């Protein structure tokens, strides 16, 4: 399966999990809804993981409600006081679902971080300074995509070679997906080379953890 197909499948599963969360959290939720959710969760570990992530996002949104409202409100918006009316449960549930369909994708994008792609032509190099203080030296004929999210910093490496000097932040691990492996680090300096399906990690300072699904994690010290 291609990377685009993998991403489409992940997005579809995320949207399905969010729809389930909206459904069972509404005032109109029934015992049958909860039973159906249980069946959906028990059908796959991927379903469970997606729903747990949706719940974490919901909690994060609740904790940062004021910040999100300020960031997404139009600059010219005016606050007009009003007296809320009691809505019928079904109408309230539909309103909540409609709001979720509009707001959740935008919040999810902020949660994961907007993707930014950096690339170099053959024979060219590039120095990249990320907003979190991390510095990347991208070698020639290389390409990678960075997401600085609320809870993690993520990099997707295509065919590329890059040197990373990662800013220390224990609350937001730095995760690099490269081939069938993942490099996890809090703060250190290292180089990754990924060409022709071969991955080489050279650590200059600190410790990184390299994970391969078939083999489990291994640590590479400086």
C-alpha atoms as a PDB file:
ATOM      1  CA  UNK A   1       0.000   0.000   0.000  1.00  0.00           C
ATOM      2  CA  UNK A   2       1.380   3.454  -0.923  1.00  0.00           C
ATOM      3  CA  UNK A   3       1.971   6.227   1.587  1.00  0.00           C
ATOM      4  CA  UNK A   4      -0.992   8.185   0.145  1.00  0.00           C
ATOM      5  CA  UNK A   5      -3.276   5.158   0.488  1.00  0.00           C
ATOM      6  CA  UNK A   6      -2.063   4.597   4.054  1.00  0.00           C
ATOM      7  CA  UNK A   7      -2.816   8.225   4.910  1.00  0.00           C
ATOM      8  CA  UNK A   8      -6.276   8.037   3.343  1.00  0.00           C
ATOM      9  CA  UNK A   9      -7.061   4.899   5.357  1.00  0.00           C
ATOM     10  CA  UNK A  10      -5.804   6.551   8.558  1.00  0.00           C
ATOM     11  CA  UNK A  11      -7.889   9.667   7.879  1.00  0.00           C
ATOM     12  CA  UNK A  12     -10.998   7.570   7.228  1.00  0.00           C
ATOM     13  CA  UNK A  13     -10.504   5.626  10.478  1.00  0.00           C
ATOM     14  CA  UNK A  14      -9.944   8.862  12.395  1.00  0.00           C
ATOM     15  CA  UNK A  15     -13.167  10.359  10.990  1.00  0.00           C
ATOM     16  CA  UNK A  16     -15.079   7.179  11.867  1.00  0.00           C
ATOM     17  CA  UNK A  17     -13.769   7.247  15.439  1.00  0.00           C
ATOM     18  CA  UNK A  18     -14.706  10.922  15.798  1.00  0.00           C
ATOM     19  CA  UNK A  19     -18.201  10.177  14.479  1.00  0.00           C
ATOM     20  CA  UNK A  20     -18.621   7.448  17.107  1.00  0.00           C
ATOM     21  CA  UNK A  21     -17.435   9.824  19.826  1.00  0.00           C
ATOM     22  CA  UNK A  22     -19.920  12.515  18.781  1.00  0.00           C
ATOM     23  CA  UNK A  23     -22.688   9.904  18.582  1.00  0.00           C
ATOM     24  CA  UNK A  24     -22.273   8.442  22.076  1.00  0.00           C
ATOM     25  CA  UNK A  25     -21.547  11.778  23.773  1.00  0.00           C
ATOM     26  CA  UNK A  26     -24.770  13.387  22.550  1.00  0.00           C
ATOM     27  CA  UNK A  27     -27.812  13.717  24.808  1.00  0.00           C
ATOM     28  CA  UNK A  28     -29.730  11.512  22.375  1.00  0.00           C
ATOM     29  CA  UNK A  29     -27.348   8.529  22.759  1.00  0.00           C
ATOM     30  CA  UNK A  30     -29.113   5.252  23.534  1.00  0.00           C
ATOM     31  CA  UNK A  31     -28.080   1.903  24.955  1.00  0.00           C
ATOM     32  CA  UNK A  32     -28.128   0.570  21.389  1.00  0.00           C
ATOM     33  CA  UNK A  33     -25.594   3.248  20.388  1.00  0.00           C
ATOM     34  CA  UNK A  34     -23.236   2.150  23.163  1.00  0.00           C
ATOM     35  CA  UNK A  35     -23.701  -1.513  22.241  1.00  0.00           C
ATOM     36  CA  UNK A  36     -22.913  -0.710  18.612  1.00  0.00           C
ATOM     37  CA  UNK A  37     -19.807   1.205  19.689  1.00  0.00           C
ATOM     38  CA  UNK A  38     -18.670  -1.778  21.769  1.00  0.00           C
ATOM     39  CA  UNK A  39     -19.033  -4.058  18.737  1.00  0.00           C
ATOM     40  CA  UNK A  40     -17.052  -1.589  16.611  1.00  0.00           C
ATOM     41  CA  UNK A  41     -14.271  -1.332  19.186  1.00  0.00           C
ATOM     42  CA  UNK A  42     -14.014  -5.109  19.632  1.00  0.00           C
ATOM     43  CA  UNK A  43     -13.757  -5.619  15.877  1.00  0.00           C
ATOM     44  CA  UNK A  44     -10.204  -4.263  15.675  1.00  0.00           C
ATOM     45  CA  UNK A  45      -7.329  -3.011  17.813  1.00  0.00           C
ATOM     46  CA  UNK A  46      -6.961  -0.207  15.271  1.00  0.00           C
ATOM     47  CA  UNK A  47     -10.528   0.873  16.101  1.00  0.00           C
ATOM     48  CA  UNK A  48      -9.646   0.971  19.812  1.00  0.00           C
ATOM     49  CA  UNK A  49      -6.494   3.008  19.202  1.00  0.00           C
ATOM     50  CA  UNK A  50      -8.350   5.491  16.961  1.00  0.00           C
ATOM     51  CA  UNK A  51     -11.147   5.945  19.509  1.00  0.00           C
ATOM     52  CA  UNK A  52      -8.667   6.468  22.355  1.00  0.00           C
ATOM     53  CA  UNK A  53      -6.908   9.129  20.285  1.00  0.00           C
ATOM     54  CA  UNK A  54     -10.265  10.782  19.553  1.00  0.00           C
ATOM     55  CA  UNK A  55     -11.014  10.851  23.303  1.00  0.00           C
ATOM     56  CA  UNK A  56      -7.609  12.397  24.010  1.00  0.00           C
ATOM     57  CA  UNK A  57      -8.280  15.044  21.378  1.00  0.00           C
ATOM     58  CA  UNK A  58     -11.698  15.762  22.892  1.00  0.00           C
ATOM     59  CA  UNK A  59     -10.128  16.235  26.328  1.00  0.00           C
ATOM     60  CA  UNK A  60      -7.397  18.432  24.854  1.00  0.00           C
ATOM     61  CA  UNK A  61      -9.988  20.576  23.078  1.00  0.00           C
ATOM     62  CA  UNK A  62     -11.910  20.961  26.333  1.00  0.00           C
ATOM     63  CA  UNK A  63      -8.794  22.040  28.222  1.00  0.00           C
ATOM     64  CA  UNK A  64      -7.851  24.540  25.502  1.00  0.00           C
ATOM     65  CA  UNK A  65     -11.346  25.740  24.590  1.00  0.00           C
ATOM     66  CA  UNK A  66     -10.631  29.411  25.231  1.00  0.00           C
ATOM     67  CA  UNK A  67      -7.365  29.306  23.271  1.00  0.00           C
ATOM     68  CA  UNK A  68      -8.999  27.539  20.313  1.00  0.00           C
ATOM     69  CA  UNK A  69     -11.954  29.940  20.275  1.00  0.00           C
ATOM     70  CA  UNK A  70      -9.615  32.934  20.222  1.00  0.00           C
ATOM     71  CA  UNK A  71      -7.511  31.423  17.437  1.00  0.00           C
ATOM     72  CA  UNK A  72     -10.445  30.489  15.195  1.00  0.00           C
ATOM     73  CA  UNK A  73     -12.730  33.507  15.721  1.00  0.00           C
ATOM     74  CA  UNK A  74     -12.818  36.087  12.873  1.00  0.00           C
ATOM     75  CA  UNK A  75     -10.904  39.229  13.776  1.00  0.00           C
ATOM     76  CA  UNK A  76     -13.953  41.390  13.118  1.00  0.00           C
ATOM     77  CA  UNK A  77     -16.300  39.166  15.104  1.00  0.00           C
ATOM     78  CA  UNK A  78     -18.435  40.869  17.745  1.00  0.00           C
ATOM     79  CA  UNK A  79     -19.718  39.212  20.898  1.00  0.00           C
ATOM     80  CA  UNK A  80     -23.515  39.556  21.121  1.00  0.00           C
ATOM     81  CA  UNK A  81     -25.051  38.531  24.468  1.00  0.00           C
ATOM     82  CA  UNK A  82     -28.078  36.242  24.203  1.00  0.00           C
ATOM     83  CA  UNK A  83     -30.240  34.116  26.443  1.00  0.00           C
ATOM     84  CA  UNK A  84     -29.913  30.442  25.483  1.00  0.00           C
ATOM     85  CA  UNK A  85     -33.139  28.538  24.945  1.00  0.00           C
ATOM     86  CA  UNK A  86     -33.717  24.951  25.970  1.00  0.00           C
ATOM     87  CA  UNK A  87     -33.302  22.820  22.854  1.00  0.00           C
ATOM     88  CA  UNK A  88     -34.954  19.505  22.204  1.00  0.00           C
ATOM     89  CA  UNK A  89     -32.450  16.646  22.828  1.00  0.00           C
ATOM     90  CA  UNK A  90     -32.493  15.445  19.220  1.00  0.00           C
ATOM     91  CA  UNK A  91     -31.991  18.959  17.818  1.00  0.00           C
ATOM     92  CA  UNK A  92     -29.189  19.581  20.321  1.00  0.00           C
ATOM     93  CA  UNK A  93     -27.486  16.346  19.271  1.00  0.00           C
ATOM     94  CA  UNK A  94     -27.732  17.281  15.589  1.00  0.00           C
ATOM     95  CA  UNK A  95     -26.341  20.733  16.347  1.00  0.00           C
ATOM     96  CA  UNK A  96     -23.418  19.227  18.246  1.00  0.00           C
ATOM     97  CA  UNK A  97     -22.733  16.760  15.431  1.00  0.00           C
ATOM     98  CA  UNK A  98     -22.845  19.510  12.799  1.00  0.00           C
ATOM     99  CA  UNK A  99     -20.486  21.667  14.837  1.00  0.00           C
ATOM    100  CA  UNK A 100     -18.119  18.739  15.261  1.00  0.00           C
ATOM    101  CA  UNK A 101     -18.037  18.107  11.519  1.00  0.00           C
ATOM    102  CA  UNK A 102     -16.953  21.703  10.954  1.00  0.00           C
ATOM    103  CA  UNK A 103     -14.634  22.260  13.925  1.00  0.00           C
ATOM    104  CA  UNK A 104     -13.071  18.853  14.576  1.00  0.00           C
ATOM    105  CA  UNK A 105     -11.081  18.565  11.300  1.00  0.00           C
ATOM    106  CA  UNK A 106      -9.644  22.033  11.912  1.00  0.00           C
ATOM    107  CA  UNK A 107      -8.779  21.229  15.526  1.00  0.00           C
ATOM    108  CA  UNK A 108      -7.387  17.813  14.524  1.00  0.00           C
ATOM    109  CA  UNK A 109      -5.104  19.533  12.026  1.00  0.00           C
ATOM    110  CA  UNK A 110      -3.824  21.821  14.763  1.00  0.00           C
ATOM    111  CA  UNK A 111      -3.493  18.831  17.123  1.00  0.00           C
ATOM    112  CA  UNK A 112      -1.295  16.918  14.664  1.00  0.00           C
ATOM    113  CA  UNK A 113       0.428  20.036  13.292  1.00  0.00           C
ATOM    114  CA  UNK A 114       0.260  21.391   9.768  1.00  0.00           C
ATOM    115  CA  UNK A 115       2.530  19.417   7.408  1.00  0.00           C
ATOM    116  CA  UNK A 116       5.483  21.349   5.984  1.00  0.00           C
ATOM    117  CA  UNK A 117       7.628  19.684   3.313  1.00  0.00           C
ATOM    118  CA  UNK A 118      11.310  20.495   2.783  1.00  0.00           C
ATOM    119  CA  UNK A 119      13.330  19.239  -0.197  1.00  0.00           C
ATOM    120  CA  UNK A 120      16.640  19.744  -1.963  1.00  0.00           C
ATOM    121  CA  UNK A 121      17.729  19.312  -5.554  1.00  0.00           C
ATOM    122  CA  UNK A 122      20.709  17.116  -6.522  1.00  0.00           C
ATOM    123  CA  UNK A 123      23.946  18.820  -5.543  1.00  0.00           C
ATOM    124  CA  UNK A 124      22.201  21.218  -3.134  1.00  0.00           C
ATOM    125  CA  UNK A 125      21.910  21.266   0.675  1.00  0.00           C
ATOM    126  CA  UNK A 126      19.559  23.186   2.968  1.00  0.00           C
ATOM    127  CA  UNK A 127      19.557  24.362   6.566  1.00  0.00           C
ATOM    128  CA  UNK A 128      16.114  24.257   8.244  1.00  0.00           C
ATOM    129  CA  UNK A 129      15.276  25.873  11.584  1.00  0.00           C
ATOM    130  CA  UNK A 130      11.991  24.606  13.055  1.00  0.00           C
ATOM    131  CA  UNK A 131       9.752  26.670  15.323  1.00  0.00           C
ATOM    132  CA  UNK A 132      10.550  24.430  18.339  1.00  0.00           C
ATOM    133  CA  UNK A 133      14.274  25.213  18.108  1.00  0.00           C
ATOM    134  CA  UNK A 134      15.266  22.035  16.238  1.00  0.00           C
ATOM    135  CA  UNK A 135      17.798  22.406  13.406  1.00  0.00           C
ATOM    136  CA  UNK A 136      17.924  20.119  10.370  1.00  0.00           C
ATOM    137  CA  UNK A 137      20.628  19.958   7.707  1.00  0.00           C
ATOM    138  CA  UNK A 138      19.072  18.415   4.619  1.00  0.00           C
ATOM    139  CA  UNK A 139      21.559  16.847   2.224  1.00  0.00           C
ATOM    140  CA  UNK A 140      21.282  16.772  -1.555  1.00  0.00           C
ATOM    141  CA  UNK A 141      18.365  15.098  -3.355  1.00  0.00           C
ATOM    142  CA  UNK A 142      16.405  14.725  -0.117  1.00  0.00           C
ATOM    143  CA  UNK A 143      12.820  15.253   0.984  1.00  0.00           C
ATOM    144  CA  UNK A 144      11.022  15.151   4.335  1.00  0.00           C
ATOM    145  CA  UNK A 145       7.774  16.413   5.872  1.00  0.00           C
ATOM    146  CA  UNK A 146       7.496  17.887   9.375  1.00  0.00           C
ATOM    147  CA  UNK A 147       4.461  18.224  11.691  1.00  0.00           C
ATOM    148  CA  UNK A 148       4.819  20.103  14.990  1.00  0.00           C
ATOM    149  CA  UNK A 149       1.752  18.980  16.933  1.00  0.00           C
ATOM    150  CA  UNK A 150       0.450  19.593  20.432  1.00  0.00           C
ATOM    151  CA  UNK A 151       1.797  16.348  21.884  1.00  0.00           C
ATOM    152  CA  UNK A 152       4.488  15.206  19.432  1.00  0.00           C
ATOM    153  CA  UNK A 153       6.824  16.386  16.700  1.00  0.00           C
ATOM    154  CA  UNK A 154       6.722  14.101  13.660  1.00  0.00           C
ATOM    155  CA  UNK A 155       8.890  13.733  10.559  1.00  0.00           C
ATOM    156  CA  UNK A 156       8.201  11.578   7.507  1.00  0.00           C
ATOM    157  CA  UNK A 157      11.367  10.851   5.526  1.00  0.00           C
ATOM    158  CA  UNK A 158      11.260   9.790   1.900  1.00  0.00           C
ATOM    159  CA  UNK A 159      14.572   9.050   0.161  1.00  0.00           C
ATOM    160  CA  UNK A 160      16.741  11.474   2.087  1.00  0.00           C
ATOM    161  CA  UNK A 161      19.757  12.102   4.249  1.00  0.00           C
ATOM    162  CA  UNK A 162      19.556  14.643   7.057  1.00  0.00           C
ATOM    163  CA  UNK A 163      21.317  15.631  10.257  1.00  0.00           C
ATOM    164  CA  UNK A 164      19.068  16.546  13.194  1.00  0.00           C
ATOM    165  CA  UNK A 165      19.905  18.637  16.252  1.00  0.00           C
ATOM    166  CA  UNK A 166      16.675  18.205  18.207  1.00  0.00           C
ATOM    167  CA  UNK A 167      15.526  20.749  20.781  1.00  0.00           C
ATOM    168  CA  UNK A 168      14.955  19.134  24.177  1.00  0.00           C
ATOM    169  CA  UNK A 169      11.256  18.796  25.094  1.00  0.00           C
ATOM    170  CA  UNK A 170      10.182  15.746  27.120  1.00  0.00           C
ATOM    171  CA  UNK A 171       6.496  16.597  26.699  1.00  0.00           C
ATOM    172  CA  UNK A 172       6.771  16.402  22.892  1.00  0.00           C
ATOM    173  CA  UNK A 173       8.919  13.494  21.660  1.00  0.00           C
ATOM    174  CA  UNK A 174      10.523  13.812  18.234  1.00  0.00           C
ATOM    175  CA  UNK A 175       9.361  10.898  16.050  1.00  0.00           C
ATOM    176  CA  UNK A 176      10.857  10.162  12.631  1.00  0.00           C
ATOM    177  CA  UNK A 177       9.228   7.605  10.344  1.00  0.00           C
ATOM    178  CA  UNK A 178      11.762   6.288   7.864  1.00  0.00           C
ATOM    179  CA  UNK A 179      11.113   3.188   5.773  1.00  0.00           C
ATOM    180  CA  UNK A 180       9.701   0.489   8.074  1.00  0.00           C
ATOM    181  CA  UNK A 181      11.394   1.989  11.120  1.00  0.00           C
ATOM    182  CA  UNK A 182      10.697   4.790  13.585  1.00  0.00           C
ATOM    183  CA  UNK A 183      13.316   6.840  15.393  1.00  0.00           C
ATOM    184  CA  UNK A 184      12.200   8.320  18.716  1.00  0.00           C
ATOM    185  CA  UNK A 185      14.197  10.977  20.553  1.00  0.00           C
ATOM    186  CA  UNK A 186      13.671  13.741  23.122  1.00  0.00           C
ATOM    187  CA  UNK A 187      16.778  15.793  22.444  1.00  0.00           C
ATOM    188  CA  UNK A 188      20.036  14.778  20.765  1.00  0.00           C
ATOM    189  CA  UNK A 189      22.064  15.116  17.565  1.00  0.00           C
ATOM    190  CA  UNK A 190      22.129  12.398  14.917  1.00  0.00           C
ATOM    191  CA  UNK A 191      22.160  11.663  11.199  1.00  0.00           C
ATOM    192  CA  UNK A 192      19.750   9.473   9.209  1.00  0.00           C
ATOM    193  CA  UNK A 193      20.391   8.175   5.714  1.00  0.00           C
ATOM    194  CA  UNK A 194      17.518   6.518   3.831  1.00  0.00           C
ATOM    195  CA  UNK A 195      18.045   5.495   0.219  1.00  0.00           C
ATOM    196  CA  UNK A 196      17.085   2.350  -1.697  1.00  0.00           C
ATOM    197  CA  UNK A 197      15.163   1.033   1.365  1.00  0.00           C
ATOM    198  CA  UNK A 198      18.356   1.038   3.477  1.00  0.00           C
ATOM    199  CA  UNK A 199      18.276   3.020   6.736  1.00  0.00           C
ATOM    200  CA  UNK A 200      21.449   4.067   8.583  1.00  0.00           C
ATOM    201  CA  UNK A 201      21.270   6.015  11.875  1.00  0.00           C
ATOM    202  CA  UNK A 202      24.493   7.636  13.160  1.00  0.00           C
ATOM    203  CA  UNK A 203      24.279   9.199  16.633  1.00  0.00           C
ATOM    204  CA  UNK A 204      26.598  12.107  17.403  1.00  0.00           C
ATOM    205  CA  UNK A 205      25.270  13.009  20.871  1.00  0.00           C
ATOM    206  CA  UNK A 206      22.751  11.420  23.239  1.00  0.00           C
ATOM    207  CA  UNK A 207      20.597   8.310  22.740  1.00  0.00           C
ATOM    208  CA  UNK A 208      17.922   7.527  20.170  1.00  0.00           C
ATOM    209  CA  UNK A 209      15.495   4.610  20.066  1.00  0.00           C
ATOM    210  CA  UNK A 210      14.964   2.848  16.746  1.00  0.00           C
ATOM    211  CA  UNK A 211      11.804   0.750  16.418  1.00  0.00           C
ATOM    212  CA  UNK A 212      11.083  -1.879  13.784  1.00  0.00           C
ATOM    213  CA  UNK A 213       7.726  -3.675  14.148  1.00  0.00           C
ATOM    214  CA  UNK A 214       9.181  -7.121  13.486  1.00  0.00           C
ATOM    215  CA  UNK A 215      12.148  -6.712  15.841  1.00  0.00           C
ATOM    216  CA  UNK A 216      11.052  -4.308  18.591  1.00  0.00           C
ATOM    217  CA  UNK A 217      12.988  -1.272  19.886  1.00  0.00           C
ATOM    218  CA  UNK A 218      16.737  -0.923  20.091  1.00  0.00           C
ATOM    219  CA  UNK A 219      18.788   1.949  21.485  1.00  0.00           C
ATOM    220  CA  UNK A 220      21.666   3.627  19.711  1.00  0.00           C
ATOM    221  CA  UNK A 221      24.011   5.539  22.085  1.00  0.00           C
ATOM    222  CA  UNK A 222      26.520   8.165  21.072  1.00  0.00           C
END
